[in-house]
C-alpha atoms as a PDB file:
ATOM      1  CA  MET A   1     -15.252 -32.355 -20.213  1.00  0.00           C
ATOM      2  CA  ILE A   2     -13.728 -33.481 -16.910  1.00  0.00           C
ATOM      3  CA  PRO A   3     -14.307 -36.679 -15.693  1.00  0.00           C
ATOM      4  CA  ASN A   4     -16.115 -37.433 -12.359  1.00  0.00           C
ATOM      5  CA  ARG A   5     -12.787 -38.588 -10.381  1.00  0.00           C
ATOM      6  CA  PRO A   6      -9.955 -36.666 -12.037  1.00  0.00           C
ATOM      7  CA  PHE A   7      -6.715 -36.955 -10.418  1.00  0.00           C
ATOM      8  CA  VAL A   8      -6.085 -34.063  -8.483  1.00  0.00           C
ATOM      9  CA  SER A   9      -2.898 -32.147  -6.864  1.00  0.00           C
ATOM     10  CA  VAL A  10      -3.180 -30.669  -3.477  1.00  0.00           C
ATOM     11  CA  ILE A  11      -0.252 -27.960  -3.450  1.00  0.00           C
ATOM     12  CA  VAL A  12       0.861 -26.457   0.230  1.00  0.00           C
ATOM     13  CA  PRO A  13       3.508 -24.029   0.640  1.00  0.00           C
ATOM     14  CA  VAL A  14       5.167 -23.838   4.139  1.00  0.00           C
ATOM     15  CA  TYR A  15       7.373 -22.022   6.390  1.00  0.00           C
ATOM     16  CA  ASN A  16       8.072 -22.376   9.916  1.00  0.00           C
ATOM     17  CA  ARG A  17       4.792 -24.082  10.769  1.00  0.00           C
ATOM     18  CA  LYS A  18       5.624 -27.414  12.307  1.00  0.00           C
ATOM     19  CA  ARG A  19       2.787 -27.837  14.531  1.00  0.00           C
ATOM     20  CA  LEU A  20       0.054 -26.572  12.648  1.00  0.00           C
ATOM     21  CA  LEU A  21       1.406 -28.307   9.337  1.00  0.00           C
ATOM     22  CA  GLU A  22       1.142 -31.585  11.286  1.00  0.00           C
ATOM     23  CA  GLU A  23      -2.565 -31.091  11.706  1.00  0.00           C
ATOM     24  CA  LEU A  24      -3.232 -30.226   8.250  1.00  0.00           C
ATOM     25  CA  LEU A  25      -1.428 -33.348   7.139  1.00  0.00           C
ATOM     26  CA  ALA A  26      -3.236 -35.578   9.419  1.00  0.00           C
ATOM     27  CA  SER A  27      -6.352 -33.699   8.182  1.00  0.00           C
ATOM     28  CA  PHE A  28      -5.592 -34.883   4.589  1.00  0.00           C
ATOM     29  CA  GLY A  29      -5.725 -38.809   5.741  1.00  0.00           C
ATOM     30  CA  GLU A  30      -9.542 -38.267   6.407  1.00  0.00           C
ATOM     31  CA  LEU A  31     -10.371 -37.612   3.004  1.00  0.00           C
ATOM     32  CA  THR A  32     -13.266 -39.130   1.395  1.00  0.00           C
ATOM     33  CA  TYR A  33     -11.824 -38.628  -2.078  1.00  0.00           C
ATOM     34  CA  PRO A  34     -10.318 -41.880  -3.313  1.00  0.00           C
ATOM     35  CA  ARG A  35      -6.627 -41.872  -2.202  1.00  0.00           C
ATOM     36  CA  ASP A  36      -5.612 -43.251  -5.505  1.00  0.00           C
ATOM     37  CA  ARG A  37      -6.857 -40.504  -7.208  1.00  0.00           C
ATOM     38  CA  PHE A  38      -4.968 -37.282  -5.442  1.00  0.00           C
ATOM     39  CA  GLU A  39      -1.870 -36.552  -4.382  1.00  0.00           C
ATOM     40  CA  VAL A  40      -0.297 -33.964  -1.970  1.00  0.00           C
ATOM     41  CA  ILE A  41       2.764 -31.656  -2.656  1.00  0.00           C
ATOM     42  CA  VAL A  42       4.209 -29.511   0.034  1.00  0.00           C
ATOM     43  CA  VAL A  43       6.971 -27.212  -0.499  1.00  0.00           C
ATOM     44  CA  ASP A  44       8.903 -25.798   1.874  1.00  0.00           C
ATOM     45  CA  ASN A  45      10.578 -22.239   1.893  1.00  0.00           C
ATOM     46  CA  PHE A  46      13.720 -23.519   3.812  1.00  0.00           C
ATOM     47  CA  SER A  47      12.015 -23.540   7.445  1.00  0.00           C
ATOM     48  CA  SER A  48      14.257 -23.626  10.612  1.00  0.00           C
ATOM     49  CA  ASP A  49      11.619 -24.905  13.476  1.00  0.00           C
ATOM     50  CA  GLY A  50      11.865 -28.286  12.267  1.00  0.00           C
ATOM     51  CA  THR A  51       9.445 -28.232   9.380  1.00  0.00           C
ATOM     52  CA  TRP A  52      11.504 -30.044   7.232  1.00  0.00           C
ATOM     53  CA  GLU A  53      12.141 -32.606   9.383  1.00  0.00           C
ATOM     54  CA  THR A  54       8.738 -33.335  10.003  1.00  0.00           C
ATOM     55  CA  LEU A  55       8.044 -33.527   6.390  1.00  0.00           C
ATOM     56  CA  GLU A  56      10.283 -36.102   5.493  1.00  0.00           C
ATOM     57  CA  ASN A  57       8.789 -38.199   8.402  1.00  0.00           C
ATOM     58  CA  ALA A  58       5.439 -37.574   7.114  1.00  0.00           C
ATOM     59  CA  ALA A  59       6.169 -38.723   3.655  1.00  0.00           C
ATOM     60  CA  GLU A  60       7.581 -41.834   4.850  1.00  0.00           C
ATOM     61  CA  ARG A  61       4.337 -42.912   6.769  1.00  0.00           C
ATOM     62  CA  ALA A  62       1.378 -40.817   5.042  1.00  0.00           C
ATOM     63  CA  PRO A  63      -1.653 -43.025   4.256  1.00  0.00           C
ATOM     64  CA  TYR A  64      -1.587 -41.327   1.022  1.00  0.00           C
ATOM     65  CA  THR A  65       0.638 -40.143  -1.525  1.00  0.00           C
ATOM     66  CA  LEU A  66       2.776 -37.322  -0.160  1.00  0.00           C
ATOM     67  CA  LYS A  67       5.390 -35.605  -1.938  1.00  0.00           C
ATOM     68  CA  VAL A  68       7.864 -33.004  -0.309  1.00  0.00           C
ATOM     69  CA  PHE A  69      10.402 -30.583  -1.441  1.00  0.00           C
ATOM     70  CA  ARG A  70      12.332 -27.625  -0.829  1.00  0.00           C
ATOM     71  CA  ASN A  71      11.551 -24.566  -2.781  1.00  0.00           C
ATOM     72  CA  PRO A  72      14.950 -24.017  -4.909  1.00  0.00           C
ATOM     73  CA  SER A  73      13.877 -20.616  -6.145  1.00  0.00           C
ATOM     74  CA  ALA A  74      15.934 -17.762  -5.561  1.00  0.00           C
ATOM     75  CA  ILE A  75      12.792 -16.061  -4.623  1.00  0.00           C
ATOM     76  CA  ARG A  76      11.459 -17.592  -1.334  1.00  0.00           C
ATOM     77  CA  SER A  77       7.738 -16.934  -1.237  1.00  0.00           C
ATOM     78  CA  ALA A  78       4.679 -18.498  -1.130  1.00  0.00           C
ATOM     79  CA  SER A  79       3.865 -17.949  -5.001  1.00  0.00           C
ATOM     80  CA  SER A  80       7.079 -19.276  -6.040  1.00  0.00           C
ATOM     81  CA  SER A  81       6.838 -22.351  -3.662  1.00  0.00           C
ATOM     82  CA  ARG A  82       3.258 -22.830  -5.583  1.00  0.00           C
ATOM     83  CA  ASN A  83       4.530 -22.638  -8.932  1.00  0.00           C
ATOM     84  CA  TYR A  84       7.314 -25.101  -8.109  1.00  0.00           C
ATOM     85  CA  GLY A  85       4.752 -27.468  -6.577  1.00  0.00           C
ATOM     86  CA  ILE A  86       2.991 -27.122  -9.842  1.00  0.00           C
ATOM     87  CA  ARG A  87       5.933 -28.479 -11.980  1.00  0.00           C
ATOM     88  CA  GLN A  88       6.360 -31.248  -9.578  1.00  0.00           C
ATOM     89  CA  SER A  89       2.541 -32.510  -9.534  1.00  0.00           C
ATOM     90  CA  VAL A  90       0.646 -34.613 -12.207  1.00  0.00           C
ATOM     91  CA  GLY A  91      -2.700 -33.838 -11.681  1.00  0.00           C
ATOM     92  CA  ALA A  92      -5.706 -32.318 -14.164  1.00  0.00           C
ATOM     93  CA  ILE A  93      -6.883 -30.488 -11.273  1.00  0.00           C
ATOM     94  CA  LEU A  94      -4.580 -28.253  -8.981  1.00  0.00           C
ATOM     95  CA  ALA A  95      -6.225 -27.624  -5.484  1.00  0.00           C
ATOM     96  CA  PHE A  96      -4.681 -25.112  -3.076  1.00  0.00           C
ATOM     97  CA  THR A  97      -4.395 -24.841   0.755  1.00  0.00           C
ATOM     98  CA  ASP A  98      -2.198 -23.381   3.497  1.00  0.00           C
ATOM     99  CA  SER A  99      -0.384 -24.528   6.276  1.00  0.00           C
ATOM    100  CA  ASP A 100      -2.530 -22.717   8.785  1.00  0.00           C
ATOM    101  CA  CYS A 101      -5.533 -24.628   7.557  1.00  0.00           C
ATOM    102  CA  LEU A 102      -7.406 -28.015   8.250  1.00  0.00           C
ATOM    103  CA  VAL A 103      -9.555 -29.565   5.416  1.00  0.00           C
ATOM    104  CA  THR A 104     -12.920 -31.248   5.831  1.00  0.00           C
ATOM    105  CA  PRO A 105     -13.287 -34.850   4.962  1.00  0.00           C
ATOM    106  CA  GLU A 106     -15.588 -33.826   1.756  1.00  0.00           C
ATOM    107  CA  TRP A 107     -13.565 -30.841   0.620  1.00  0.00           C
ATOM    108  CA  LEU A 108     -11.888 -32.423  -2.361  1.00  0.00           C
ATOM    109  CA  GLY A 109     -15.024 -34.174  -3.753  1.00  0.00           C
ATOM    110  CA  ALA A 110     -17.056 -31.186  -3.113  1.00  0.00           C
ATOM    111  CA  GLY A 111     -14.573 -29.015  -5.040  1.00  0.00           C
ATOM    112  CA  VAL A 112     -14.013 -31.385  -7.622  1.00  0.00           C
ATOM    113  CA  ALA A 113     -17.498 -31.836  -8.411  1.00  0.00           C
ATOM    114  CA  LYS A 114     -18.126 -28.320  -9.530  1.00  0.00           C
ATOM    115  CA  PHE A 115     -15.878 -28.493 -12.581  1.00  0.00           C
ATOM    116  CA  GLN A 116     -18.785 -28.255 -15.268  1.00  0.00           C
ATOM    117  CA  GLU A 117     -18.394 -27.598 -18.856  1.00  0.00           C
ATOM    118  CA  GLY A 118     -16.639 -23.692 -18.990  1.00  0.00           C
ATOM    119  CA  VAL A 119     -15.500 -24.110 -15.212  1.00  0.00           C
ATOM    120  CA  GLY A 120     -12.244 -23.068 -14.688  1.00  0.00           C
ATOM    121  CA  ILE A 121     -12.323 -22.243 -11.103  1.00  0.00           C
ATOM    122  CA  VAL A 122     -13.568 -23.282  -8.188  1.00  0.00           C
ATOM    123  CA  GLN A 123     -13.596 -21.260  -4.945  1.00  0.00           C
ATOM    124  CA  GLY A 124     -14.474 -23.154  -1.656  1.00  0.00           C
ATOM    125  CA  ARG A 125     -15.331 -21.722   1.621  1.00  0.00           C
ATOM    126  CA  THR A 126     -12.996 -20.824   4.474  1.00  0.00           C
ATOM    127  CA  VAL A 127     -14.215 -20.295   8.148  1.00  0.00           C
ATOM    128  CA  PRO A 128     -12.200 -19.648  11.076  1.00  0.00           C
ATOM    129  CA  HIS A 129     -11.402 -22.554  13.690  1.00  0.00           C
ATOM    130  CA  SER A 130     -14.560 -22.650  16.011  1.00  0.00           C
ATOM    131  CA  GLY A 131     -13.106 -24.316  18.809  1.00  0.00           C
ATOM    132  CA  GLU A 132      -9.985 -21.922  19.248  1.00  0.00           C
ATOM    133  CA  ALA A 133      -9.686 -19.097  21.296  1.00  0.00           C
ATOM    134  CA  ILE A 134      -9.915 -15.676  19.918  1.00  0.00           C
ATOM    135  CA  PRO A 135      -7.271 -13.103  21.131  1.00  0.00           C
ATOM    136  CA  ILE A 136      -8.011  -9.429  21.026  1.00  0.00           C
ATOM    137  CA  LEU A 137      -5.205  -9.433  18.201  1.00  0.00           C
ATOM    138  CA  HIS A 138      -5.122 -12.603  15.783  1.00  0.00           C
ATOM    139  CA  HIS A 139      -4.889 -13.795  12.101  1.00  0.00           C
ATOM    140  CA  THR A 140      -7.339 -15.805  10.662  1.00  0.00           C
ATOM    141  CA  VAL A 141      -9.357 -15.936   7.169  1.00  0.00           C
ATOM    142  CA  SER A 142     -12.804 -16.195   6.103  1.00  0.00           C
ATOM    143  CA  VAL A 143     -14.028 -16.726   2.714  1.00  0.00           C
ATOM    144  CA  LYS A 144     -17.136 -16.214   1.432  1.00  0.00           C
ATOM    145  CA  THR A 145     -17.835 -17.969  -2.255  1.00  0.00           C
ATOM    146  CA  GLU A 146     -20.311 -15.392  -3.268  1.00  0.00           C
ATOM    147  CA  LYS A 147     -17.353 -12.816  -3.621  1.00  0.00           C
ATOM    148  CA  SER A 148     -13.934 -14.381  -4.698  1.00  0.00           C
ATOM    149  CA  TYR A 149     -10.757 -12.907  -4.198  1.00  0.00           C
ATOM    150  CA  GLY A 150      -9.195 -16.319  -5.507  1.00  0.00           C
ATOM    151  CA  GLU A 151      -7.949 -16.588  -1.915  1.00  0.00           C
ATOM    152  CA  THR A 152      -5.293 -19.861  -2.296  1.00  0.00           C
ATOM    153  CA  CYS A 153      -6.315 -21.140   1.221  1.00  0.00           C
ATOM    154  CA  ASN A 154      -9.246 -22.508  -0.410  1.00  0.00           C
ATOM    155  CA  ILE A 155      -9.284 -22.806  -4.505  1.00  0.00           C
ATOM    156  CA  PHE A 156      -9.185 -25.238  -7.265  1.00  0.00           C
ATOM    157  CA  TYR A 157      -7.924 -24.561 -10.871  1.00  0.00           C
ATOM    158  CA  ARG A 158      -7.844 -26.603 -13.892  1.00  0.00           C
ATOM    159  CA  ARG A 159      -4.151 -27.273 -14.663  1.00  0.00           C
ATOM    160  CA  ASP A 160      -4.412 -26.782 -17.886  1.00  0.00           C
ATOM    161  CA  LEU A 161      -5.874 -22.970 -17.692  1.00  0.00           C
ATOM    162  CA  VAL A 162      -3.068 -22.266 -15.187  1.00  0.00           C
ATOM    163  CA  GLU A 163      -0.066 -23.391 -17.459  1.00  0.00           C
ATOM    164  CA  LYS A 164      -1.558 -21.470 -19.915  1.00  0.00           C
ATOM    165  CA  VAL A 165      -1.307 -18.062 -17.943  1.00  0.00           C
ATOM    166  CA  GLY A 166       2.069 -19.028 -16.422  1.00  0.00           C
ATOM    167  CA  GLY A 167       1.290 -19.822 -13.010  1.00  0.00           C
ATOM    168  CA  PHE A 168       1.503 -17.249 -10.104  1.00  0.00           C
ATOM    169  CA  ASP A 169       3.156 -13.761 -10.778  1.00  0.00           C
ATOM    170  CA  VAL A 170       5.984 -13.841  -8.294  1.00  0.00           C
ATOM    171  CA  ASP A 171       6.550 -10.346  -8.714  1.00  0.00           C
ATOM    172  CA  LEU A 172       3.483  -9.651  -6.934  1.00  0.00           C
ATOM    173  CA  GLY A 173       3.988 -12.112  -4.321  1.00  0.00           C
ATOM    174  CA  ARG A 174       6.974 -10.057  -2.708  1.00  0.00           C
ATOM    175  CA  VAL A 175       8.583  -6.950  -2.372  1.00  0.00           C
ATOM    176  CA  GLY A 176      12.251  -6.996  -1.454  1.00  0.00           C
ATOM    177  CA  ASN A 177      12.307  -9.223   1.504  1.00  0.00           C
ATOM    178  CA  ALA A 178       8.547  -8.663   2.654  1.00  0.00           C
ATOM    179  CA  ALA A 179       5.698 -10.804   1.466  1.00  0.00           C
ATOM    180  CA  VAL A 180       2.992  -8.985  -0.210  1.00  0.00           C
ATOM    181  CA  TRP A 181      -0.673  -9.541  -1.241  1.00  0.00           C
ATOM    182  CA  GLY A 182      -2.185  -9.998  -4.678  1.00  0.00           C
ATOM    183  CA  GLU A 183      -0.909 -12.723  -6.651  1.00  0.00           C
ATOM    184  CA  ASP A 184      -3.841 -15.315  -5.803  1.00  0.00           C
ATOM    185  CA  THR A 185      -6.406 -12.605  -7.111  1.00  0.00           C
ATOM    186  CA  ASP A 186      -4.051 -11.702 -10.084  1.00  0.00           C
ATOM    187  CA  LEU A 187      -4.011 -15.609 -10.976  1.00  0.00           C
ATOM    188  CA  ALA A 188      -7.969 -15.958 -10.916  1.00  0.00           C
ATOM    189  CA  TYR A 189      -8.392 -12.824 -13.032  1.00  0.00           C
ATOM    190  CA  LYS A 190      -5.987 -14.020 -15.681  1.00  0.00           C
ATOM    191  CA  ILE A 191      -7.984 -17.091 -15.929  1.00  0.00           C
ATOM    192  CA  LYS A 192     -10.963 -15.591 -15.709  1.00  0.00           C
ATOM    193  CA  ALA A 193      -9.936 -13.528 -19.010  1.00  0.00           C
ATOM    194  CA  LEU A 194      -9.475 -16.867 -20.934  1.00  0.00           C
ATOM    195  CA  GLY A 195     -13.240 -16.987 -21.072  1.00  0.00           C
ATOM    196  CA  ALA A 196     -13.304 -19.460 -17.887  1.00  0.00           C
ATOM    197  CA  THR A 197     -16.041 -19.110 -15.054  1.00  0.00           C
ATOM    198  CA  LEU A 198     -15.639 -19.409 -11.273  1.00  0.00           C
ATOM    199  CA  ALA A 199     -17.866 -21.834  -9.462  1.00  0.00           C
ATOM    200  CA  PRO A 200     -18.653 -21.162  -5.686  1.00  0.00           C
ATOM    201  CA  ALA A 201     -18.631 -24.358  -3.581  1.00  0.00           C
ATOM    202  CA  ASN A 202     -19.828 -23.872  -0.495  1.00  0.00           C
ATOM    203  CA  ASP A 203     -19.479 -27.685   0.729  1.00  0.00           C
ATOM    204  CA  ALA A 204     -15.602 -27.493  -0.077  1.00  0.00           C
ATOM    205  CA  LEU A 205     -14.855 -26.358   3.409  1.00  0.00           C
ATOM    206  CA  ILE A 206     -11.573 -25.439   5.017  1.00  0.00           C
ATOM    207  CA  ILE A 207     -11.282 -24.584   8.616  1.00  0.00           C
ATOM    208  CA  HIS A 208      -8.605 -21.922   9.361  1.00  0.00           C
ATOM    209  CA  HIS A 209      -6.634 -21.561  12.595  1.00  0.00           C
ATOM    210  CA  ILE A 210      -7.017 -18.564  14.582  1.00  0.00           C
ATOM    211  CA  VAL A 211      -3.236 -17.698  15.175  1.00  0.00           C
ATOM    212  CA  PRO A 212      -2.509 -14.889  17.887  1.00  0.00           C
ATOM    213  CA  THR A 213      -0.342 -12.233  16.571  1.00  0.00           C
ATOM    214  CA  ARG A 214       1.815  -9.473  18.249  1.00  0.00           C
ATOM    215  CA  PHE A 215       0.926  -5.691  17.917  1.00  0.00           C
ATOM    216  CA  ARG A 216       3.479  -4.429  15.718  1.00  0.00           C
ATOM    217  CA  ALA A 217       2.857  -7.360  13.344  1.00  0.00           C
ATOM    218  CA  TRP A 218      -1.051  -6.724  13.478  1.00  0.00           C
ATOM    219  CA  ILE A 219      -0.603  -2.739  12.831  1.00  0.00           C
ATOM    220  CA  PHE A 220       1.791  -3.092  10.292  1.00  0.00           C
ATOM    221  CA  GLU A 221       0.174  -6.414   8.417  1.00  0.00           C
ATOM    222  CA  PRO A 222      -1.602  -3.596   5.858  1.00  0.00           C
ATOM    223  CA  PHE A 223       1.670  -2.807   4.338  1.00  0.00           C
ATOM    224  CA  ARG A 224       0.911  -6.295   2.568  1.00  0.00           C
ATOM    225  CA  ILE A 225      -1.770  -4.876   0.336  1.00  0.00           C
ATOM    226  CA  TRP A 226       0.937  -2.366  -1.391  1.00  0.00           C
ATOM    227  CA  LEU A 227       0.364  -3.845  -4.777  1.00  0.00           C
ATOM    228  CA  TRP A 228      -3.121  -3.798  -4.608  1.00  0.00           C
ATOM    229  CA  PRO A 229      -3.622  -1.020  -6.830  1.00  0.00           C
ATOM    230  CA  LYS A 230      -1.322  -2.488  -9.534  1.00  0.00           C
ATOM    231  CA  VAL A 231      -3.416  -5.539  -9.515  1.00  0.00           C
ATOM    232  CA  VAL A 232      -6.640  -3.663 -10.091  1.00  0.00           C
ATOM    233  CA  LYS A 233      -4.983  -1.621 -12.577  1.00  0.00           C
ATOM    234  CA  ARG A 234      -4.005  -4.919 -14.486  1.00  0.00           C
ATOM    235  CA  HIS A 235      -7.567  -6.369 -14.157  1.00  0.00           C
ATOM    236  CA  PRO A 236     -10.072  -3.567 -14.435  1.00  0.00           C
ATOM    237  CA  LEU A 237     -12.722  -5.809 -13.885  1.00  0.00           C
ATOM    238  CA  ILE A 238     -11.791  -6.136 -10.194  1.00  0.00           C
ATOM    239  CA  ARG A 239     -13.390  -2.858  -9.805  1.00  0.00           C
ATOM    240  CA  HIS A 240     -16.888  -3.940 -10.652  1.00  0.00           C
ATOM    241  CA  GLU A 241     -16.926  -7.043  -9.216  1.00  0.00           C
ATOM    242  CA  LEU A 242     -14.712  -6.716  -6.003  1.00  0.00           C
ATOM    243  CA  LEU A 243     -14.254  -3.060  -4.844  1.00  0.00           C
ATOM    244  CA  PHE A 244     -16.787  -1.059  -2.829  1.00  0.00           C
ATOM    245  CA  GLY A 245     -18.088   1.781  -5.359  1.00  0.00           C
ATOM    246  CA  ARG A 246     -15.196   0.779  -7.585  1.00  0.00           C
ATOM    247  CA  TYR A 247     -12.566   2.818  -5.786  1.00  0.00           C
ATOM    248  CA  PHE A 248     -12.803   2.020  -2.256  1.00  0.00           C
ATOM    249  CA  PHE A 249     -10.937  -1.594  -1.039  1.00  0.00           C
ATOM    250  CA  THR A 250     -13.836  -2.204   1.444  1.00  0.00           C
ATOM    251  CA  PRO A 251     -16.745  -0.423   3.074  1.00  0.00           C
ATOM    252  CA  MET A 252     -14.814  -0.005   6.014  1.00  0.00           C
ATOM    253  CA  THR A 253     -12.191   1.852   4.084  1.00  0.00           C
ATOM    254  CA  ALA A 254     -14.604   3.942   2.843  1.00  0.00           C
ATOM    255  CA  LEU A 255     -15.751   4.845   6.413  1.00  0.00           C
ATOM    256  CA  PHE A 256     -12.373   5.403   7.498  1.00  0.00           C
ATOM    257  CA  ASP A 257     -11.625   7.628   4.087  1.00  0.00           C
ATOM    258  CA  LEU A 258     -14.643   9.640   5.452  1.00  0.00           C
ATOM    259  CA  LEU A 259     -13.181   9.987   8.952  1.00  0.00           C
ATOM    260  CA  MET A 260      -9.751  11.482   7.207  1.00  0.00           C
ATOM    261  CA  PHE A 261     -11.976  13.651   5.409  1.00  0.00           C
ATOM    262  CA  GLY A 262     -13.803  15.015   8.582  1.00  0.00           C
ATOM    263  CA  VAL A 263     -10.543  15.295  10.230  1.00  0.00           C
ATOM    264  CA  LEU A 264      -9.246  17.753   7.752  1.00  0.00           C
ATOM    265  CA  LEU A 265     -12.482  19.682   7.570  1.00  0.00           C
ATOM    266  CA  GLY A 266     -12.816  19.863  11.356  1.00  0.00           C
ATOM    267  CA  ALA A 267      -9.117  21.110  11.383  1.00  0.00           C
ATOM    268  CA  PHE A 268      -9.456  23.701   8.928  1.00  0.00           C
ATOM    269  CA  TRP A 269     -13.128  24.993   8.682  1.00  0.00           C
ATOM    270  CA  HIS A 270     -15.539  23.888  11.315  1.00  0.00           C
ATOM    271  CA  TRP A 271     -15.097  21.623  14.276  1.00  0.00           C
ATOM    272  CA  TRP A 272     -18.835  19.873  13.637  1.00  0.00           C
ATOM    273  CA  PHE A 273     -16.983  18.160  10.539  1.00  0.00           C
ATOM    274  CA  PHE A 274     -15.237  15.744  13.003  1.00  0.00           C
ATOM    275  CA  ALA A 275     -18.687  14.057  13.204  1.00  0.00           C
ATOM    276  CA  LEU A 276     -18.150  12.446   9.677  1.00  0.00           C
ATOM    277  CA  GLY A 277     -15.584  10.180  11.544  1.00  0.00           C
ATOM    278  CA  LEU A 278     -18.608   8.439  13.699  1.00  0.00           C
ATOM    279  CA  PRO A 279     -19.626   5.961  11.114  1.00  0.00           C
ATOM    280  CA  PHE A 280     -16.050   4.263  11.470  1.00  0.00           C
ATOM    281  CA  VAL A 281     -15.807   4.540  15.103  1.00  0.00           C
ATOM    282  CA  ILE A 282     -19.390   3.023  15.878  1.00  0.00           C
ATOM    283  CA  SER A 283     -18.469   0.261  13.065  1.00  0.00           C
ATOM    284  CA  LYS A 284     -15.278  -0.360  14.757  1.00  0.00           C
ATOM    285  CA  TYR A 285     -16.781  -0.596  18.061  1.00  0.00           C
ATOM    286  CA  ARG A 286     -19.344  -3.140  16.953  1.00  0.00           C
ATOM    287  CA  GLU A 287     -16.803  -5.013  15.195  1.00  0.00           C
ATOM    288  CA  GLY A 288     -15.380  -6.479  18.620  1.00  0.00           C
ATOM    289  CA  GLY A 289     -18.641  -8.413  19.409  1.00  0.00           C
ATOM    290  CA  LYS A 290     -20.802  -8.599  22.404  1.00  0.00           C
ATOM    291  CA  HIS A 291     -18.260 -10.983  24.116  1.00  0.00           C
ATOM    292  CA  LEU A 292     -15.687  -8.266  24.668  1.00  0.00           C
ATOM    293  CA  HIS A 293     -15.624  -6.069  27.452  1.00  0.00           C
ATOM    294  CA  VAL A 294     -16.714  -2.245  26.730  1.00  0.00           C
ATOM    295  CA  VAL A 295     -12.946  -1.303  27.582  1.00  0.00           C
ATOM    296  CA  LEU A 296     -11.689  -4.010  25.449  1.00  0.00           C
ATOM    297  CA  ARG A 297     -13.699  -2.609  22.583  1.00  0.00           C
ATOM    298  CA  LEU A 298     -12.748   0.486  23.027  1.00  0.00           C
ATOM    299  CA  VAL A 299      -8.970  -0.610  22.844  1.00  0.00           C
ATOM    300  CA  ARG A 300      -9.877  -2.344  19.311  1.00  0.00           C
ATOM    301  CA  VAL A 301     -11.336   1.133  18.478  1.00  0.00           C
ATOM    302  CA  VAL A 302      -8.051   2.661  18.940  1.00  0.00           C
ATOM    303  CA  GLY A 303      -5.771   0.047  17.878  1.00  0.00           C
ATOM    304  CA  GLY A 304      -8.402  -0.699  14.787  1.00  0.00           C
ATOM    305  CA  SER A 305      -7.712   3.392  13.889  1.00  0.00           C
ATOM    306  CA  LEU A 306      -4.126   2.865  13.922  1.00  0.00           C
ATOM    307  CA  ARG A 307      -4.377  -0.153  11.636  1.00  0.00           C
ATOM    308  CA  ALA A 308      -6.905   1.886   9.303  1.00  0.00           C
ATOM    309  CA  PHE A 309      -4.309   4.546   8.897  1.00  0.00           C
ATOM    310  CA  VAL A 310      -1.569   2.293   7.634  1.00  0.00           C
ATOM    311  CA  LEU A 311      -3.496   0.757   5.314  1.00  0.00           C
ATOM    312  CA  PHE A 312      -4.825   4.272   4.121  1.00  0.00           C
ATOM    313  CA  CYS A 313      -1.405   5.658   3.588  1.00  0.00           C
ATOM    314  CA  THR A 314      -0.247   2.060   1.761  1.00  0.00           C
ATOM    315  CA  LEU A 315      -3.440   2.255  -0.398  1.00  0.00           C
ATOM    316  CA  LEU A 316      -2.659   5.866  -1.116  1.00  0.00           C
ATOM    317  CA  GLY A 317       0.912   5.340  -1.670  1.00  0.00           C
ATOM    318  CA  GLY A 318       0.457   2.506  -4.181  1.00  0.00           C
ATOM    319  CA  SER A 319      -2.410   4.318  -6.039  1.00  0.00           C
ATOM    320  CA  VAL A 320       0.331   7.126  -6.578  1.00  0.00           C
ATOM    321  CA  ARG A 321       2.881   4.467  -7.380  1.00  0.00           C
ATOM    322  CA  PHE A 322       0.568   2.539  -9.890  1.00  0.00           C
ATOM    323  CA  ARG A 323      -1.482   5.390 -11.227  1.00  0.00           C
ATOM    324  CA  SER A 324      -4.577   3.370 -10.023  1.00  0.00           C
ATOM    325  CA  LEU A 325      -6.993   4.735  -7.410  1.00  0.00           C
ATOM    326  CA  VAL A 326      -7.587   2.507  -4.627  1.00  0.00           C
ATOM    327  CA  ILE A 327      -8.649   3.793  -1.217  1.00  0.00           C
END
């Protein structure tokens, strides 16, 4: 049984996020968890914007234990940084978050409290920053604990289980020089395979910044999902717990697949099959929210369709490459 106040190691990878990192480090100082019962470990991937200098200065004056390192691995990815942070840590519980987040005061205590007998993973709740403007094109993360992908912006693990499975698979966190997505889900399901259960912790709340992004980066962001069919093949349970209808990445990708099917039938059979694309178009239009002008919502429909097409091609290519259908 894990004691009520286990020592916790909070691990954060970072690359070129000086301003946001300063806010995260300040939020750790507001934690209500006893300061002698946790440490914060930040691993820098050789940033070039002054992040490392900020970390060195912060380590000297932080009101809690703050350890900073540069990732020595030849694979400079978030997953290799997390693995290095694990090796430098001493906590019985490993807590993970990201440099574009803010922790709330009760976060650590609420997450740790969920570690009862048999629990190996605790998934906290993440919400977008309510005080920040929402650009048309942006990146943020929302995590509802009812359906966990093991998102490392807000998750807790028993250290012994993480060490037993060998930590994060760095081959799932990178393809060539490009960062991809899937190593966090892979770790969660490796630990589930040991018989450990995942407990939700809605009170373990993290705030995720809303970061503006450029059109090109936003359109091609779905390429990061390239290895997802490989992760699903490795962990068949994902089909039952996470996928929509066992084969669709999300309900929205299912609607886009229907649109593609309608376009093919409309082009080669009868024009009225184009109507099969209406559910996707309507859903994407409504997705913009009532606060957006009609013209802006139409722009989002066009841009969202292009982005959905990139995702469709990426998943289809990954499905063929790894012989695991996810569309």
